[in-house]
Amino acid sequence: MQDNNKLELSVVLHDGYGGFSILPELAEYLHKRKGWEIIPIQGMELKRSTNPHIIYHTYYDEKPTLNYWCADQDSITFRSNPDLIEAVQHVRNGLEQAYNQKQIEWKDYYYSPLRNLKVVTVSMQLEIESYNDGHERIVTSIVQKKELT
């Protein structure tokens, strides 16, 4: 039975030092499989696009770096994007398989920045509460939190 007062949200979180960034493997997956656009930029020139499917790739002195980023990459909207969640799960599963099949060494698996990316699902219970002679507010409570990757 479905609970109409329950809302679930999956979000990509970074669980390590250094903070979240778009890893090259994720940029490639999003570009090739989901049609996201990769736009090269020089240095750290500020770019802001309203299109959530744009990834910026930084170049210095016309040489590409490993630095990929999106304008709103720290927002819940971006981190809960189904394409991003799929990319993280797919690329992480590929890393796990490569390690399990002895295609990469332990140190390359253990120190991979991909291992710091997790998909967490939060379930929330929402209720409308009448609190003062007809005035209403939304009351929330977290029902559960589970890690998917």
N, C-alpha and C. Protein backbone atom coordinates (compact mmCIF):
# COMPACT_ATOMS: atom_id res chain seq x y z
N MET A 1 0.83 -1.18 0.00
CA MET A 1 0.00 0.00 0.00
C MET A 1 0.88 1.25 0.00
N GLN A 2 0.60 2.17 -0.88
CA GLN A 2 1.39 3.41 -0.99
C GLN A 2 0.89 4.44 0.01
N ASP A 3 1.81 5.07 0.69
CA ASP A 3 1.48 6.13 1.64
C ASP A 3 1.60 7.46 0.92
N ASN A 4 0.48 8.15 0.73
CA ASN A 4 0.48 9.41 -0.02
C ASN A 4 1.13 10.55 0.74
N ASN A 5 1.41 10.37 2.01
CA ASN A 5 2.06 11.41 2.81
C ASN A 5 3.57 11.23 2.88
N LYS A 6 4.09 10.27 2.14
CA LYS A 6 5.51 9.95 2.21
C LYS A 6 6.21 10.46 0.94
N LEU A 7 7.35 11.09 1.13
CA LEU A 7 8.14 11.62 0.02
C LEU A 7 9.53 11.04 0.12
N GLU A 8 10.03 10.45 -0.98
CA GLU A 8 11.40 9.92 -1.00
C GLU A 8 12.25 10.76 -1.93
N LEU A 9 13.49 10.97 -1.51
CA LEU A 9 14.42 11.76 -2.29
C LEU A 9 15.80 11.11 -2.22
N SER A 10 16.36 10.79 -3.39
CA SER A 10 17.73 10.26 -3.45
C SER A 10 18.66 11.41 -3.83
N VAL A 11 19.81 11.46 -3.16
CA VAL A 11 20.75 12.56 -3.32
C VAL A 11 22.17 12.00 -3.36
N VAL A 12 23.01 12.56 -4.22
CA VAL A 12 24.43 12.19 -4.28
C VAL A 12 25.18 13.03 -3.25
N LEU A 13 25.93 12.35 -2.38
CA LEU A 13 26.75 13.03 -1.38
C LEU A 13 28.21 12.62 -1.55
N HIS A 14 29.09 13.52 -1.17
CA HIS A 14 30.53 13.24 -1.15
C HIS A 14 30.92 12.90 0.28
N ASP A 15 31.57 11.78 0.46
CA ASP A 15 31.89 11.28 1.80
C ASP A 15 33.40 11.18 1.99
N GLY A 16 34.10 12.28 1.76
CA GLY A 16 35.55 12.26 1.92
C GLY A 16 36.09 13.68 1.88
N TYR A 17 37.38 13.79 2.06
CA TYR A 17 38.03 15.11 2.04
C TYR A 17 38.08 15.65 0.63
N GLY A 18 38.02 16.96 0.51
CA GLY A 18 38.19 17.60 -0.79
C GLY A 18 36.91 18.11 -1.40
N GLY A 19 35.78 17.60 -1.01
CA GLY A 19 34.52 18.11 -1.52
C GLY A 19 34.08 17.48 -2.83
N PHE A 20 32.85 17.76 -3.20
CA PHE A 20 32.22 17.20 -4.39
C PHE A 20 32.73 17.88 -5.65
N SER A 21 32.93 17.08 -6.67
CA SER A 21 33.22 17.61 -8.00
C SER A 21 32.72 16.58 -9.02
N ILE A 22 32.59 17.05 -10.25
CA ILE A 22 32.20 16.15 -11.34
C ILE A 22 33.46 15.44 -11.81
N LEU A 23 33.55 14.17 -11.56
CA LEU A 23 34.73 13.40 -11.97
C LEU A 23 34.69 13.17 -13.48
N PRO A 24 35.85 13.03 -14.12
CA PRO A 24 35.88 12.82 -15.57
C PRO A 24 35.01 11.65 -16.03
N GLU A 25 34.99 10.56 -15.24
CA GLU A 25 34.17 9.39 -15.60
C GLU A 25 32.68 9.74 -15.60
N LEU A 26 32.26 10.56 -14.64
CA LEU A 26 30.86 10.98 -14.59
C LEU A 26 30.53 11.91 -15.76
N ALA A 27 31.44 12.85 -16.05
CA ALA A 27 31.21 13.77 -17.17
C ALA A 27 31.07 13.00 -18.47
N GLU A 28 31.93 12.01 -18.67
CA GLU A 28 31.87 11.20 -19.89
C GLU A 28 30.55 10.43 -19.97
N TYR A 29 30.15 9.81 -18.87
CA TYR A 29 28.89 9.06 -18.84
C TYR A 29 27.71 9.99 -19.15
N LEU A 30 27.64 11.12 -18.48
CA LEU A 30 26.53 12.05 -18.67
C LEU A 30 26.50 12.59 -20.09
N HIS A 31 27.67 12.82 -20.66
CA HIS A 31 27.75 13.34 -22.02
C HIS A 31 27.33 12.28 -23.04
N LYS A 32 27.93 11.10 -22.95
CA LYS A 32 27.70 10.05 -23.96
C LYS A 32 26.36 9.35 -23.82
N ARG A 33 25.92 9.11 -22.60
CA ARG A 33 24.71 8.32 -22.40
C ARG A 33 23.45 9.14 -22.13
N LYS A 34 23.64 10.37 -21.65
CA LYS A 34 22.47 11.18 -21.29
C LYS A 34 22.38 12.47 -22.10
N GLY A 35 23.36 12.72 -22.96
CA GLY A 35 23.30 13.87 -23.85
C GLY A 35 23.62 15.21 -23.20
N TRP A 36 24.28 15.19 -22.04
CA TRP A 36 24.67 16.45 -21.41
C TRP A 36 25.75 17.09 -22.26
N GLU A 37 25.78 18.40 -22.27
CA GLU A 37 26.75 19.14 -23.05
C GLU A 37 27.98 19.46 -22.19
N ILE A 38 29.16 19.28 -22.78
CA ILE A 38 30.41 19.68 -22.11
C ILE A 38 30.95 20.90 -22.83
N ILE A 39 31.13 21.98 -22.08
CA ILE A 39 31.59 23.25 -22.66
C ILE A 39 32.98 23.56 -22.10
N PRO A 40 33.99 23.68 -22.97
CA PRO A 40 35.32 24.06 -22.49
C PRO A 40 35.37 25.54 -22.13
N ILE A 41 36.05 25.86 -21.03
CA ILE A 41 36.25 27.26 -20.64
C ILE A 41 37.72 27.45 -20.27
N GLN A 42 38.20 28.67 -20.42
CA GLN A 42 39.58 29.00 -20.06
C GLN A 42 39.64 29.43 -18.60
N GLY A 43 40.57 28.86 -17.86
CA GLY A 43 40.76 29.24 -16.46
C GLY A 43 39.49 29.01 -15.66
N MET A 44 39.24 29.91 -14.74
CA MET A 44 38.05 29.77 -13.91
C MET A 44 37.03 30.85 -14.23
N GLU A 45 36.92 31.19 -15.53
CA GLU A 45 35.93 32.21 -15.90
C GLU A 45 34.55 31.74 -15.44
N LEU A 46 33.82 32.63 -14.87
CA LEU A 46 32.54 32.29 -14.26
C LEU A 46 31.48 32.08 -15.34
N LYS A 47 30.87 30.91 -15.30
CA LYS A 47 29.79 30.59 -16.22
C LYS A 47 28.59 30.16 -15.40
N ARG A 48 27.46 30.66 -15.75
CA ARG A 48 26.22 30.24 -15.10
C ARG A 48 25.18 30.03 -16.20
N SER A 49 24.64 28.86 -16.24
CA SER A 49 23.63 28.55 -17.23
C SER A 49 22.38 28.07 -16.51
N THR A 50 21.25 28.36 -17.08
CA THR A 50 20.00 27.85 -16.52
C THR A 50 19.75 26.42 -16.96
N ASN A 51 20.52 25.93 -17.91
CA ASN A 51 20.39 24.55 -18.36
C ASN A 51 21.12 23.64 -17.37
N PRO A 52 20.39 22.75 -16.69
CA PRO A 52 21.04 21.90 -15.69
C PRO A 52 21.88 20.78 -16.30
N HIS A 53 21.86 20.64 -17.62
CA HIS A 53 22.59 19.56 -18.26
C HIS A 53 23.86 20.05 -18.97
N ILE A 54 24.49 21.06 -18.40
CA ILE A 54 25.74 21.58 -18.94
C ILE A 54 26.86 21.33 -17.94
N ILE A 55 27.94 20.75 -18.43
CA ILE A 55 29.14 20.52 -17.63
C ILE A 55 30.24 21.38 -18.22
N TYR A 56 30.92 22.14 -17.36
CA TYR A 56 32.04 22.96 -17.82
C TYR A 56 33.34 22.20 -17.61
N HIS A 57 34.22 22.26 -18.59
CA HIS A 57 35.53 21.61 -18.53
C HIS A 57 36.59 22.69 -18.60
N THR A 58 37.38 22.81 -17.54
CA THR A 58 38.36 23.89 -17.43
C THR A 58 39.63 23.57 -18.21
N TYR A 59 40.10 24.59 -18.93
CA TYR A 59 41.37 24.53 -19.66
C TYR A 59 42.28 25.64 -19.12
N TYR A 60 43.58 25.36 -19.01
CA TYR A 60 44.57 26.38 -18.69
C TYR A 60 45.60 26.40 -19.80
N ASP A 61 45.85 27.55 -20.35
CA ASP A 61 46.79 27.68 -21.47
C ASP A 61 46.47 26.68 -22.58
N GLU A 62 45.19 26.56 -22.87
CA GLU A 62 44.67 25.68 -23.93
C GLU A 62 44.94 24.20 -23.68
N LYS A 63 45.29 23.83 -22.44
CA LYS A 63 45.48 22.43 -22.09
C LYS A 63 44.34 22.00 -21.17
N PRO A 64 43.71 20.85 -21.50
CA PRO A 64 42.59 20.41 -20.65
C PRO A 64 43.07 19.98 -19.26
N THR A 65 42.24 20.21 -18.27
CA THR A 65 42.52 19.75 -16.91
C THR A 65 41.53 18.62 -16.60
N LEU A 66 41.61 18.08 -15.41
CA LEU A 66 40.64 17.09 -14.96
C LEU A 66 39.49 17.75 -14.22
N ASN A 67 39.39 19.07 -14.33
CA ASN A 67 38.40 19.83 -13.59
C ASN A 67 37.11 20.00 -14.40
N TYR A 68 36.06 19.28 -13.98
CA TYR A 68 34.72 19.41 -14.56
C TYR A 68 33.80 19.92 -13.46
N TRP A 69 32.85 20.79 -13.82
CA TRP A 69 31.94 21.28 -12.81
C TRP A 69 30.65 21.78 -13.46
N CYS A 70 29.61 21.89 -12.64
CA CYS A 70 28.32 22.42 -13.07
C CYS A 70 27.99 23.64 -12.22
N ALA A 71 27.22 24.53 -12.77
CA ALA A 71 26.95 25.80 -12.09
C ALA A 71 26.31 25.62 -10.72
N ASP A 72 25.39 24.71 -10.57
CA ASP A 72 24.68 24.54 -9.30
C ASP A 72 24.93 23.16 -8.71
N GLN A 73 26.15 22.69 -8.79
CA GLN A 73 26.43 21.31 -8.40
C GLN A 73 26.28 21.04 -6.91
N ASP A 74 26.15 22.04 -6.08
CA ASP A 74 25.95 21.82 -4.65
C ASP A 74 24.48 21.95 -4.24
N SER A 75 23.60 22.11 -5.21
CA SER A 75 22.18 22.25 -4.88
C SER A 75 21.51 20.88 -4.78
N ILE A 76 20.45 20.81 -4.00
CA ILE A 76 19.68 19.57 -3.89
C ILE A 76 19.09 19.21 -5.25
N THR A 77 18.67 20.20 -6.01
CA THR A 77 18.11 19.94 -7.33
C THR A 77 19.11 19.21 -8.22
N PHE A 78 20.36 19.68 -8.23
CA PHE A 78 21.39 19.02 -9.04
C PHE A 78 21.73 17.65 -8.48
N ARG A 79 21.96 17.56 -7.18
CA ARG A 79 22.40 16.31 -6.56
C ARG A 79 21.33 15.22 -6.57
N SER A 80 20.06 15.61 -6.78
CA SER A 80 18.99 14.61 -6.85
C SER A 80 18.57 14.33 -8.29
N ASN A 81 19.31 14.88 -9.25
CA ASN A 81 19.01 14.66 -10.67
C ASN A 81 19.13 13.16 -10.99
N PRO A 82 18.09 12.55 -11.56
CA PRO A 82 18.13 11.11 -11.86
C PRO A 82 19.30 10.71 -12.76
N ASP A 83 19.69 11.58 -13.70
CA ASP A 83 20.83 11.27 -14.57
C ASP A 83 22.12 11.17 -13.75
N LEU A 84 22.33 12.11 -12.83
CA LEU A 84 23.52 12.08 -12.00
C LEU A 84 23.53 10.84 -11.11
N ILE A 85 22.40 10.52 -10.51
CA ILE A 85 22.31 9.34 -9.65
C ILE A 85 22.64 8.08 -10.44
N GLU A 86 22.07 7.97 -11.63
CA GLU A 86 22.36 6.81 -12.48
C GLU A 86 23.84 6.75 -12.84
N ALA A 87 24.42 7.90 -13.18
CA ALA A 87 25.84 7.94 -13.55
C ALA A 87 26.72 7.49 -12.39
N VAL A 88 26.46 7.99 -11.19
CA VAL A 88 27.25 7.60 -10.02
C VAL A 88 27.14 6.10 -9.78
N GLN A 89 25.93 5.57 -9.81
CA GLN A 89 25.74 4.14 -9.56
C GLN A 89 26.42 3.30 -10.63
N HIS A 90 26.27 3.70 -11.91
CA HIS A 90 26.87 2.94 -13.00
C HIS A 90 28.40 2.95 -12.93
N VAL A 91 28.97 4.13 -12.75
CA VAL A 91 30.43 4.25 -12.74
C VAL A 91 31.03 3.57 -11.50
N ARG A 92 30.36 3.71 -10.36
CA ARG A 92 30.84 3.02 -9.14
C ARG A 92 30.76 1.50 -9.30
N ASN A 93 29.67 1.01 -9.90
CA ASN A 93 29.55 -0.44 -10.14
C ASN A 93 30.65 -0.93 -11.08
N GLY A 94 30.98 -0.12 -12.09
CA GLY A 94 32.08 -0.47 -12.99
C GLY A 94 33.41 -0.54 -12.26
N LEU A 95 33.64 0.37 -11.34
CA LEU A 95 34.86 0.35 -10.53
C LEU A 95 34.92 -0.91 -9.67
N GLU A 96 33.79 -1.24 -9.03
CA GLU A 96 33.73 -2.44 -8.18
C GLU A 96 33.99 -3.70 -9.01
N GLN A 97 33.38 -3.78 -10.19
CA GLN A 97 33.57 -4.94 -11.06
C GLN A 97 35.02 -5.06 -11.52
N ALA A 98 35.61 -3.94 -11.89
CA ALA A 98 37.01 -3.96 -12.34
C ALA A 98 37.92 -4.46 -11.22
N TYR A 99 37.66 -4.04 -10.00
CA TYR A 99 38.46 -4.50 -8.87
C TYR A 99 38.21 -5.99 -8.59
N ASN A 100 36.95 -6.41 -8.58
CA ASN A 100 36.62 -7.81 -8.31
C ASN A 100 37.15 -8.75 -9.37
N GLN A 101 37.26 -8.27 -10.60
CA GLN A 101 37.79 -9.09 -11.70
C GLN A 101 39.30 -8.90 -11.87
N LYS A 102 39.92 -8.25 -10.89
CA LYS A 102 41.37 -8.04 -10.85
C LYS A 102 41.89 -7.25 -12.06
N GLN A 103 41.05 -6.35 -12.59
CA GLN A 103 41.47 -5.50 -13.71
C GLN A 103 42.18 -4.24 -13.22
N ILE A 104 41.98 -3.90 -11.95
CA ILE A 104 42.70 -2.78 -11.35
C ILE A 104 43.27 -3.24 -10.01
N GLU A 105 44.32 -2.58 -9.59
CA GLU A 105 44.97 -2.94 -8.33
C GLU A 105 44.19 -2.38 -7.14
N TRP A 106 44.47 -2.94 -5.97
CA TRP A 106 43.81 -2.54 -4.74
C TRP A 106 43.95 -1.04 -4.50
N LYS A 107 45.16 -0.51 -4.65
CA LYS A 107 45.38 0.92 -4.36
C LYS A 107 44.59 1.81 -5.31
N ASP A 108 44.44 1.40 -6.57
CA ASP A 108 43.66 2.20 -7.51
C ASP A 108 42.17 2.16 -7.16
N TYR A 109 41.72 1.06 -6.64
CA TYR A 109 40.33 0.96 -6.20
C TYR A 109 40.12 1.74 -4.90
N TYR A 110 40.98 1.48 -3.93
CA TYR A 110 40.81 2.06 -2.60
C TYR A 110 40.91 3.58 -2.62
N TYR A 111 41.82 4.12 -3.40
CA TYR A 111 42.03 5.57 -3.43
C TYR A 111 41.25 6.28 -4.53
N SER A 112 40.38 5.59 -5.23
CA SER A 112 39.59 6.22 -6.28
C SER A 112 38.61 7.23 -5.68
N PRO A 113 38.56 8.44 -6.24
CA PRO A 113 37.60 9.43 -5.75
C PRO A 113 36.15 8.98 -5.92
N LEU A 114 35.91 8.02 -6.82
CA LEU A 114 34.55 7.51 -7.00
C LEU A 114 34.02 6.85 -5.73
N ARG A 115 34.90 6.29 -4.93
CA ARG A 115 34.46 5.63 -3.71
C ARG A 115 33.91 6.63 -2.69
N ASN A 116 34.20 7.90 -2.86
CA ASN A 116 33.68 8.91 -1.94
C ASN A 116 32.27 9.38 -2.29
N LEU A 117 31.77 8.96 -3.45
CA LEU A 117 30.43 9.36 -3.85
C LEU A 117 29.41 8.31 -3.43
N LYS A 118 28.38 8.76 -2.74
CA LYS A 118 27.33 7.87 -2.24
C LYS A 118 25.98 8.40 -2.69
N VAL A 119 25.06 7.49 -2.92
CA VAL A 119 23.68 7.87 -3.16
C VAL A 119 22.89 7.50 -1.92
N VAL A 120 22.29 8.50 -1.31
CA VAL A 120 21.53 8.32 -0.07
C VAL A 120 20.07 8.64 -0.37
N THR A 121 19.18 7.78 0.09
CA THR A 121 17.75 8.02 -0.06
C THR A 121 17.16 8.36 1.29
N VAL A 122 16.42 9.45 1.34
CA VAL A 122 15.78 9.89 2.56
C VAL A 122 14.27 9.80 2.34
N SER A 123 13.58 9.17 3.28
CA SER A 123 12.12 9.11 3.25
C SER A 123 11.58 10.06 4.30
N MET A 124 10.65 10.89 3.89
CA MET A 124 10.07 11.88 4.81
C MET A 124 8.57 11.68 4.88
N GLN A 125 8.05 11.85 6.06
CA GLN A 125 6.60 11.83 6.28
C GLN A 125 6.13 13.28 6.32
N LEU A 126 5.16 13.63 5.51
CA LEU A 126 4.62 14.98 5.47
C LEU A 126 3.17 14.96 5.93
N GLU A 127 2.83 15.92 6.76
CA GLU A 127 1.45 16.03 7.22
C GLU A 127 1.05 17.50 7.25
N ILE A 128 -0.23 17.76 7.00
CA ILE A 128 -0.76 19.11 7.15
C ILE A 128 -1.41 19.16 8.52
N GLU A 129 -0.97 20.13 9.30
CA GLU A 129 -1.45 20.25 10.68
C GLU A 129 -2.21 21.56 10.83
N SER A 130 -3.38 21.47 11.43
CA SER A 130 -4.13 22.67 11.78
C SER A 130 -3.71 23.05 13.20
N TYR A 131 -3.14 24.24 13.35
CA TYR A 131 -2.56 24.57 14.65
C TYR A 131 -3.22 25.74 15.35
N ASN A 132 -4.04 26.52 14.66
CA ASN A 132 -4.63 27.67 15.35
C ASN A 132 -5.88 28.13 14.59
N ASP A 133 -7.00 27.59 14.95
CA ASP A 133 -8.28 28.04 14.42
C ASP A 133 -8.27 28.15 12.89
N GLY A 134 -7.84 27.09 12.23
CA GLY A 134 -7.86 27.06 10.76
C GLY A 134 -6.53 27.35 10.09
N HIS A 135 -5.56 27.90 10.79
CA HIS A 135 -4.23 28.10 10.20
C HIS A 135 -3.56 26.74 10.07
N GLU A 136 -2.87 26.54 8.96
CA GLU A 136 -2.23 25.24 8.72
C GLU A 136 -0.73 25.42 8.48
N ARG A 137 -0.02 24.34 8.72
CA ARG A 137 1.41 24.28 8.41
C ARG A 137 1.74 22.84 8.04
N ILE A 138 2.86 22.69 7.40
CA ILE A 138 3.34 21.35 7.04
C ILE A 138 4.29 20.88 8.12
N VAL A 139 4.08 19.68 8.58
CA VAL A 139 4.93 19.06 9.59
C VAL A 139 5.67 17.91 8.89
N THR A 140 6.98 17.88 9.06
CA THR A 140 7.79 16.83 8.42
C THR A 140 8.53 16.03 9.47
N SER A 141 8.77 14.79 9.14
CA SER A 141 9.64 13.95 9.96
C SER A 141 10.35 12.98 9.03
N ILE A 142 11.63 12.74 9.30
CA ILE A 142 12.40 11.79 8.50
C ILE A 142 12.05 10.40 9.00
N VAL A 143 11.57 9.58 8.07
CA VAL A 143 11.16 8.23 8.41
C VAL A 143 12.37 7.30 8.37
N GLN A 144 13.18 7.41 7.34
CA GLN A 144 14.35 6.56 7.22
C GLN A 144 15.36 7.18 6.28
N LYS A 145 16.60 6.75 6.42
CA LYS A 145 17.68 7.19 5.54
C LYS A 145 18.47 5.94 5.21
N LYS A 146 18.70 5.69 3.93
CA LYS A 146 19.47 4.51 3.55
C LYS A 146 20.44 4.85 2.44
N GLU A 147 21.58 4.21 2.51
CA GLU A 147 22.63 4.40 1.51
C GLU A 147 22.47 3.36 0.43
N LEU A 148 22.44 3.80 -0.84
CA LEU A 148 22.25 2.89 -1.95
C LEU A 148 23.58 2.42 -2.54
N THR A 149 24.62 3.27 -2.47
CA THR A 149 25.91 2.86 -3.03
C THR A 149 27.00 3.09 -2.03
